[in-house]
């Protein structure tokens, strides 16, 4: 369930994710 929402958010916030710090990106990748 969480993976689904996270995936949608990453897809929509893909550009924002790149601007976000590396720590955030690492956490996002771990969630996937």
PDB file of N, CA and C in Angstrom:
ATOM      1  N   UNK A   1       0.846  -1.210   0.000  1.00  0.00           N
ATOM      2  CA  UNK A   1       0.000   0.000   0.000  1.00  0.00           C
ATOM      3  C   UNK A   1       0.881   1.259   0.000  1.00  0.00           C
ATOM      4  N   UNK A   2       1.834   1.276   0.902  1.00  0.00           N
ATOM      5  CA  UNK A   2       2.709   2.449   0.976  1.00  0.00           C
ATOM      6  C   UNK A   2       3.545   2.584  -0.288  1.00  0.00           C
ATOM      7  N   UNK A   3       4.007   1.454  -0.793  1.00  0.00           N
ATOM      8  CA  UNK A   3       4.840   1.498  -1.999  1.00  0.00           C
ATOM      9  C   UNK A   3       4.083   2.183  -3.124  1.00  0.00           C
ATOM     10  N   UNK A   4       2.796   1.897  -3.222  1.00  0.00           N
ATOM     11  CA  UNK A   4       1.999   2.488  -4.305  1.00  0.00           C
ATOM     12  C   UNK A   4       2.000   4.007  -4.200  1.00  0.00           C
ATOM     13  N   UNK A   5       1.692   4.519  -3.030  1.00  0.00           N
ATOM     14  CA  UNK A   5       1.652   5.978  -2.846  1.00  0.00           C
ATOM     15  C   UNK A   5       3.034   6.579  -3.061  1.00  0.00           C
ATOM     16  N   UNK A   6       4.038   5.926  -2.549  1.00  0.00           N
ATOM     17  CA  UNK A   6       5.408   6.446  -2.698  1.00  0.00           C
ATOM     18  C   UNK A   6       5.776   6.508  -4.169  1.00  0.00           C
ATOM     19  N   UNK A   7       5.446   5.449  -4.911  1.00  0.00           N
ATOM     20  CA  UNK A   7       5.778   5.419  -6.338  1.00  0.00           C
ATOM     21  C   UNK A   7       5.098   6.583  -7.043  1.00  0.00           C
ATOM     22  N   UNK A   8       3.839   6.808  -6.752  1.00  0.00           N
ATOM     23  CA  UNK A   8       3.093   7.898  -7.410  1.00  0.00           C
ATOM     24  C   UNK A   8       3.735   9.240  -7.064  1.00  0.00           C
ATOM     25  N   UNK A   9       4.118   9.385  -5.831  1.00  0.00           N
ATOM     26  CA  UNK A   9       4.708  10.665  -5.399  1.00  0.00           C
ATOM     27  C   UNK A   9       6.060  10.858  -6.080  1.00  0.00           C
ATOM     28  N   UNK A  10       6.844   9.831  -6.151  1.00  0.00           N
ATOM     29  CA  UNK A  10       8.174   9.954  -6.778  1.00  0.00           C
ATOM     30  C   UNK A  10       8.004  10.295  -8.254  1.00  0.00           C
ATOM     31  N   UNK A  11       7.034   9.671  -8.896  1.00  0.00           N
ATOM     32  CA  UNK A  11       6.818   9.931 -10.324  1.00  0.00           C
ATOM     33  C   UNK A  11       6.416  11.388 -10.540  1.00  0.00           C
ATOM     34  N   UNK A  12       5.547  11.887  -9.679  1.00  0.00           N
ATOM     35  CA  UNK A  12       5.076  13.276  -9.831  1.00  0.00           C
ATOM     36  C   UNK A  12       6.111  14.261  -9.316  1.00  0.00           C
ATOM     37  N   UNK A  13       6.840  13.859  -8.299  1.00  0.00           N
ATOM     38  CA  UNK A  13       7.858  14.751  -7.710  1.00  0.00           C
ATOM     39  C   UNK A  13       9.255  14.327  -8.132  1.00  0.00           C
ATOM     40  N   UNK A  14       9.364  13.712  -9.295  1.00  0.00           N
ATOM     41  CA  UNK A  14      10.689  13.265  -9.760  1.00  0.00           C
ATOM     42  C   UNK A  14      11.641  14.456  -9.836  1.00  0.00           C
ATOM     43  N   UNK A  15      11.158  15.571 -10.344  1.00  0.00           N
ATOM     44  CA  UNK A  15      12.013  16.765 -10.464  1.00  0.00           C
ATOM     45  C   UNK A  15      12.372  17.280  -9.069  1.00  0.00           C
ATOM     46  N   UNK A  16      11.394  17.273  -8.162  1.00  0.00           N
ATOM     47  CA  UNK A  16      11.650  17.764  -6.805  1.00  0.00           C
ATOM     48  C   UNK A  16      12.639  16.846  -6.102  1.00  0.00           C
ATOM     49  N   UNK A  17      12.493  15.550  -6.329  1.00  0.00           N
ATOM     50  CA  UNK A  17      13.385  14.578  -5.686  1.00  0.00           C
ATOM     51  C   UNK A  17      14.836  14.895  -6.036  1.00  0.00           C
ATOM     52  N   UNK A  18      15.068  15.244  -7.279  1.00  0.00           N
ATOM     53  CA  UNK A  18      16.437  15.547  -7.715  1.00  0.00           C
ATOM     54  C   UNK A  18      16.962  16.770  -6.960  1.00  0.00           C
ATOM     55  N   UNK A  19      16.092  17.726  -6.701  1.00  0.00           N
ATOM     56  CA  UNK A  19      16.520  18.952  -5.995  1.00  0.00           C
ATOM     57  C   UNK A  19      16.696  18.668  -4.507  1.00  0.00           C
ATOM     58  N   UNK A  20      15.938  17.699  -3.995  1.00  0.00           N
ATOM     59  CA  UNK A  20      16.014  17.377  -2.571  1.00  0.00           C
ATOM     60  C   UNK A  20      17.410  16.849  -2.221  1.00  0.00           C
ATOM     61  N   UNK A  21      17.752  16.880  -0.935  1.00  0.00           N
ATOM     62  CA  UNK A  21      19.070  16.397  -0.496  1.00  0.00           C
ATOM     63  C   UNK A  21      19.256  14.917  -0.796  1.00  0.00           C
ATOM     64  N   UNK A  22      20.507  14.484  -0.749  1.00  0.00           N
ATOM     65  CA  UNK A  22      20.795  13.061  -1.033  1.00  0.00           C
ATOM     66  C   UNK A  22      20.141  12.166   0.015  1.00  0.00           C
ATOM     67  N   UNK A  23      20.057  12.644   1.237  1.00  0.00           N
ATOM     68  CA  UNK A  23      19.452  11.835   2.306  1.00  0.00           C
ATOM     69  C   UNK A  23      18.027  11.429   1.923  1.00  0.00           C
ATOM     70  N   UNK A  24      17.279  12.380   1.386  1.00  0.00           N
ATOM     71  CA  UNK A  24      15.886  12.093   0.994  1.00  0.00           C
ATOM     72  C   UNK A  24      15.854  11.057  -0.120  1.00  0.00           C
ATOM     73  N   UNK A  25      16.699  11.257  -1.111  1.00  0.00           N
ATOM     74  CA  UNK A  25      16.746  10.326  -2.250  1.00  0.00           C
ATOM     75  C   UNK A  25      17.073   8.923  -1.741  1.00  0.00           C
ATOM     76  N   UNK A  26      18.021   8.822  -0.841  1.00  0.00           N
ATOM     77  CA  UNK A  26      18.406   7.505  -0.320  1.00  0.00           C
ATOM     78  C   UNK A  26      17.220   6.856   0.385  1.00  0.00           C
ATOM     79  N   UNK A  27      16.464   7.640   1.134  1.00  0.00           N
ATOM     80  CA  UNK A  27      15.303   7.090   1.845  1.00  0.00           C
ATOM     81  C   UNK A  27      14.247   6.645   0.834  1.00  0.00           C
ATOM     82  N   UNK A  28      14.022   7.446  -0.190  1.00  0.00           N
ATOM     83  CA  UNK A  28      13.034   7.095  -1.215  1.00  0.00           C
ATOM     84  C   UNK A  28      13.422   5.786  -1.892  1.00  0.00           C
ATOM     85  N   UNK A  29      14.685   5.672  -2.235  1.00  0.00           N
ATOM     86  CA  UNK A  29      15.153   4.454  -2.923  1.00  0.00           C
ATOM     87  C   UNK A  29      14.961   3.253  -2.008  1.00  0.00           C
ATOM     88  N   UNK A  30      15.225   3.430  -0.724  1.00  0.00           N
ATOM     89  CA  UNK A  30      15.078   2.323   0.224  1.00  0.00           C
ATOM     90  C   UNK A  30      13.622   1.879   0.290  1.00  0.00           C
ATOM     91  N   UNK A  31      12.711   2.821   0.212  1.00  0.00           N
ATOM     92  CA  UNK A  31      11.281   2.500   0.298  1.00  0.00           C
ATOM     93  C   UNK A  31      10.856   1.677  -0.911  1.00  0.00           C
ATOM     94  N   UNK A  32      11.374   2.015  -2.071  1.00  0.00           N
ATOM     95  CA  UNK A  32      10.953   1.313  -3.295  1.00  0.00           C
ATOM     96  C   UNK A  32      11.200  -0.182  -3.162  1.00  0.00           C
TER      97      UNK A  32
END
